[in-house]
Amino acid sequence: MDMLSTAMNIFGGYYETNRGWRHYRVPNKTYDIRFHPLTLEWECSCPAYKFKRGNKICKHIKQIQENRWKKYIKTMEYK
């Protein structure tokens, strides 16, 4: 695991740039998965995302979305 991924895991699983993009990483991968909360836009640096036509989504984006949804559900169960 590289240093950036280690730091992201320590500080909440993502880092945010000054332009508002949230950068995520999937375990054991170095692809940059980005999310912009204002435009709800997802991007990934993997080849599957770059060369796909139509519905631009890849398995890395799906994995991040599922993990975020599971965390949200867990927080709602205790309220």
N, C-alpha and C. Protein backbone atom coordinates (compact mmCIF):
# COMPACT_ATOMS: atom_id res chain seq x y z
N MET A 1 0.85 -1.17 0.00
CA MET A 1 0.00 0.00 0.00
C MET A 1 0.90 1.24 0.00
N ASP A 2 0.56 2.21 -0.81
CA ASP A 2 1.36 3.42 -0.88
C ASP A 2 1.01 4.37 0.26
N MET A 3 1.80 5.40 0.41
CA MET A 3 1.67 6.33 1.53
C MET A 3 0.34 7.10 1.49
N LEU A 4 -0.11 7.48 0.29
CA LEU A 4 -1.36 8.21 0.16
C LEU A 4 -2.54 7.36 0.61
N SER A 5 -2.57 6.10 0.20
CA SER A 5 -3.65 5.20 0.61
C SER A 5 -3.65 4.99 2.12
N THR A 6 -2.48 4.86 2.71
CA THR A 6 -2.37 4.70 4.16
C THR A 6 -2.92 5.92 4.88
N ALA A 7 -2.56 7.11 4.42
CA ALA A 7 -3.05 8.34 5.04
C ALA A 7 -4.57 8.48 4.87
N MET A 8 -5.09 8.09 3.71
CA MET A 8 -6.52 8.17 3.48
C MET A 8 -7.28 7.24 4.42
N ASN A 9 -6.75 6.06 4.67
CA ASN A 9 -7.40 5.12 5.58
C ASN A 9 -7.40 5.65 7.02
N ILE A 10 -6.37 6.35 7.39
CA ILE A 10 -6.29 6.91 8.74
C ILE A 10 -7.27 8.06 8.93
N PHE A 11 -7.41 8.91 7.92
CA PHE A 11 -8.22 10.12 8.04
C PHE A 11 -9.57 10.02 7.33
N GLY A 12 -10.28 8.93 7.53
CA GLY A 12 -11.66 8.86 7.05
C GLY A 12 -11.87 8.23 5.69
N GLY A 13 -10.86 7.75 5.03
CA GLY A 13 -11.04 7.03 3.78
C GLY A 13 -11.00 7.86 2.52
N TYR A 14 -10.89 9.19 2.63
CA TYR A 14 -10.78 10.03 1.45
C TYR A 14 -10.06 11.33 1.80
N TYR A 15 -9.64 12.04 0.76
CA TYR A 15 -9.14 13.40 1.00
C TYR A 15 -9.84 14.33 0.02
N GLU A 16 -9.96 15.57 0.40
CA GLU A 16 -10.70 16.54 -0.39
C GLU A 16 -9.76 17.64 -0.88
N THR A 17 -9.88 17.96 -2.17
CA THR A 17 -9.04 19.00 -2.75
C THR A 17 -9.70 20.36 -2.53
N ASN A 18 -8.97 21.42 -2.85
CA ASN A 18 -9.51 22.76 -2.66
C ASN A 18 -10.61 23.08 -3.68
N ARG A 19 -10.78 22.27 -4.72
CA ARG A 19 -11.87 22.45 -5.69
C ARG A 19 -13.10 21.64 -5.35
N GLY A 20 -13.06 20.91 -4.24
CA GLY A 20 -14.23 20.19 -3.77
C GLY A 20 -14.29 18.72 -4.12
N TRP A 21 -13.35 18.22 -4.92
CA TRP A 21 -13.35 16.80 -5.28
C TRP A 21 -12.91 15.96 -4.09
N ARG A 22 -13.63 14.86 -3.85
CA ARG A 22 -13.24 13.89 -2.83
C ARG A 22 -12.58 12.71 -3.55
N HIS A 23 -11.39 12.38 -3.13
CA HIS A 23 -10.62 11.30 -3.76
C HIS A 23 -10.65 10.07 -2.86
N TYR A 24 -11.02 8.94 -3.46
CA TYR A 24 -11.10 7.67 -2.75
C TYR A 24 -10.13 6.68 -3.37
N ARG A 25 -9.85 5.60 -2.66
CA ARG A 25 -9.06 4.49 -3.18
C ARG A 25 -9.74 3.18 -2.81
N VAL A 26 -9.69 2.24 -3.72
CA VAL A 26 -10.15 0.88 -3.45
C VAL A 26 -8.96 0.11 -2.90
N PRO A 27 -9.16 -0.74 -1.89
CA PRO A 27 -8.03 -1.50 -1.34
C PRO A 27 -7.27 -2.29 -2.41
N ASN A 28 -5.96 -2.22 -2.33
CA ASN A 28 -5.03 -2.92 -3.23
C ASN A 28 -5.04 -2.41 -4.66
N LYS A 29 -5.58 -1.24 -4.92
CA LYS A 29 -5.57 -0.62 -6.24
C LYS A 29 -5.05 0.80 -6.12
N THR A 30 -4.43 1.29 -7.17
CA THR A 30 -3.91 2.67 -7.14
C THR A 30 -4.76 3.62 -7.98
N TYR A 31 -5.93 3.17 -8.41
CA TYR A 31 -6.79 4.05 -9.21
C TYR A 31 -7.34 5.17 -8.36
N ASP A 32 -7.47 6.34 -8.96
CA ASP A 32 -8.02 7.51 -8.29
C ASP A 32 -9.51 7.60 -8.59
N ILE A 33 -10.34 7.39 -7.60
CA ILE A 33 -11.78 7.51 -7.75
C ILE A 33 -12.18 8.85 -7.15
N ARG A 34 -12.81 9.69 -7.98
CA ARG A 34 -13.15 11.04 -7.54
C ARG A 34 -14.65 11.24 -7.51
N PHE A 35 -15.11 12.02 -6.53
CA PHE A 35 -16.52 12.36 -6.40
C PHE A 35 -16.64 13.85 -6.10
N HIS A 36 -17.53 14.52 -6.81
CA HIS A 36 -17.78 15.94 -6.55
C HIS A 36 -19.18 16.06 -5.95
N PRO A 37 -19.27 16.46 -4.66
CA PRO A 37 -20.57 16.47 -3.99
C PRO A 37 -21.57 17.50 -4.52
N LEU A 38 -21.12 18.55 -5.16
CA LEU A 38 -22.05 19.55 -5.68
C LEU A 38 -22.70 19.11 -6.99
N THR A 39 -21.92 18.47 -7.86
CA THR A 39 -22.44 18.03 -9.16
C THR A 39 -22.82 16.55 -9.16
N LEU A 40 -22.51 15.83 -8.07
CA LEU A 40 -22.76 14.39 -7.93
C LEU A 40 -22.11 13.60 -9.06
N GLU A 41 -20.95 14.04 -9.49
CA GLU A 41 -20.23 13.43 -10.59
C GLU A 41 -19.14 12.49 -10.06
N TRP A 42 -19.05 11.29 -10.63
CA TRP A 42 -18.04 10.30 -10.28
C TRP A 42 -17.09 10.12 -11.45
N GLU A 43 -15.80 9.93 -11.15
CA GLU A 43 -14.79 9.64 -12.16
C GLU A 43 -13.80 8.63 -11.59
N CYS A 44 -13.19 7.85 -12.47
CA CYS A 44 -12.18 6.87 -12.06
C CYS A 44 -11.05 6.90 -13.08
N SER A 45 -9.85 6.60 -12.63
CA SER A 45 -8.70 6.62 -13.54
C SER A 45 -8.40 5.24 -14.14
N CYS A 46 -9.28 4.26 -13.93
CA CYS A 46 -9.04 2.92 -14.48
C CYS A 46 -9.36 2.89 -15.98
N PRO A 47 -8.76 1.96 -16.71
CA PRO A 47 -9.03 1.85 -18.16
C PRO A 47 -10.49 1.53 -18.48
N ALA A 48 -11.16 0.75 -17.64
CA ALA A 48 -12.56 0.41 -17.91
C ALA A 48 -13.44 1.65 -17.93
N TYR A 49 -13.17 2.60 -17.04
CA TYR A 49 -13.95 3.84 -17.02
C TYR A 49 -13.58 4.74 -18.20
N LYS A 50 -12.30 4.84 -18.47
CA LYS A 50 -11.85 5.76 -19.52
C LYS A 50 -12.39 5.39 -20.90
N PHE A 51 -12.49 4.09 -21.20
CA PHE A 51 -12.84 3.66 -22.55
C PHE A 51 -14.27 3.17 -22.68
N LYS A 52 -15.06 3.29 -21.63
CA LYS A 52 -16.45 2.83 -21.69
C LYS A 52 -17.33 3.93 -22.27
N ARG A 53 -18.30 3.52 -23.04
CA ARG A 53 -19.24 4.47 -23.62
C ARG A 53 -20.58 4.38 -22.89
N GLY A 54 -21.39 5.41 -23.03
CA GLY A 54 -22.71 5.38 -22.42
C GLY A 54 -22.66 5.61 -20.92
N ASN A 55 -23.18 4.66 -20.16
CA ASN A 55 -23.23 4.77 -18.70
C ASN A 55 -21.82 4.65 -18.15
N LYS A 56 -21.22 5.76 -17.80
CA LYS A 56 -19.83 5.79 -17.35
C LYS A 56 -19.75 5.43 -15.87
N ILE A 57 -19.58 4.13 -15.60
CA ILE A 57 -19.40 3.66 -14.23
C ILE A 57 -18.55 2.40 -14.31
N CYS A 58 -17.75 2.18 -13.31
CA CYS A 58 -16.90 0.98 -13.28
C CYS A 58 -17.06 0.29 -11.93
N LYS A 59 -16.44 -0.87 -11.79
CA LYS A 59 -16.60 -1.64 -10.55
C LYS A 59 -15.98 -0.94 -9.35
N HIS A 60 -14.98 -0.09 -9.58
CA HIS A 60 -14.35 0.64 -8.47
C HIS A 60 -15.30 1.69 -7.90
N ILE A 61 -16.00 2.40 -8.78
CA ILE A 61 -16.98 3.38 -8.34
C ILE A 61 -18.12 2.68 -7.61
N LYS A 62 -18.58 1.55 -8.14
CA LYS A 62 -19.64 0.80 -7.48
C LYS A 62 -19.22 0.35 -6.09
N GLN A 63 -17.98 -0.09 -5.95
CA GLN A 63 -17.49 -0.56 -4.66
C GLN A 63 -17.47 0.58 -3.64
N ILE A 64 -17.00 1.76 -4.04
CA ILE A 64 -16.97 2.92 -3.14
C ILE A 64 -18.40 3.31 -2.76
N GLN A 65 -19.31 3.35 -3.73
CA GLN A 65 -20.70 3.72 -3.45
C GLN A 65 -21.36 2.73 -2.48
N GLU A 66 -21.12 1.44 -2.67
CA GLU A 66 -21.69 0.43 -1.78
C GLU A 66 -21.15 0.57 -0.36
N ASN A 67 -19.85 0.83 -0.23
CA ASN A 67 -19.25 1.00 1.10
C ASN A 67 -19.81 2.24 1.79
N ARG A 68 -19.98 3.32 1.04
CA ARG A 68 -20.54 4.54 1.63
C ARG A 68 -21.98 4.31 2.05
N TRP A 69 -22.77 3.56 1.26
CA TRP A 69 -24.16 3.27 1.58
C TRP A 69 -24.25 2.42 2.85
N LYS A 70 -23.38 1.41 2.96
CA LYS A 70 -23.38 0.54 4.14
C LYS A 70 -23.06 1.34 5.40
N LYS A 71 -22.11 2.27 5.31
CA LYS A 71 -21.78 3.10 6.47
C LYS A 71 -22.96 3.99 6.85
N TYR A 72 -23.67 4.52 5.85
CA TYR A 72 -24.82 5.38 6.11
C TYR A 72 -25.93 4.59 6.79
N ILE A 73 -26.20 3.38 6.31
CA ILE A 73 -27.23 2.54 6.91
C ILE A 73 -26.90 2.22 8.36
N LYS A 74 -25.64 1.93 8.64
CA LYS A 74 -25.23 1.63 10.01
C LYS A 74 -25.48 2.81 10.94
N THR A 75 -25.23 4.03 10.47
CA THR A 75 -25.46 5.20 11.31
C THR A 75 -26.94 5.44 11.54
N MET A 76 -27.77 5.09 10.57
CA MET A 76 -29.22 5.30 10.71
C MET A 76 -29.86 4.26 11.62
N GLU A 77 -29.27 3.09 11.78
CA GLU A 77 -29.84 2.05 12.62
C GLU A 77 -29.83 2.43 14.10
N TYR A 78 -28.87 3.24 14.51
CA TYR A 78 -28.73 3.60 15.91
C TYR A 78 -29.54 4.81 16.31
N LYS A 79 -30.21 5.46 15.38
CA LYS A 79 -30.97 6.67 15.71
C LYS A 79 -32.39 6.34 16.07
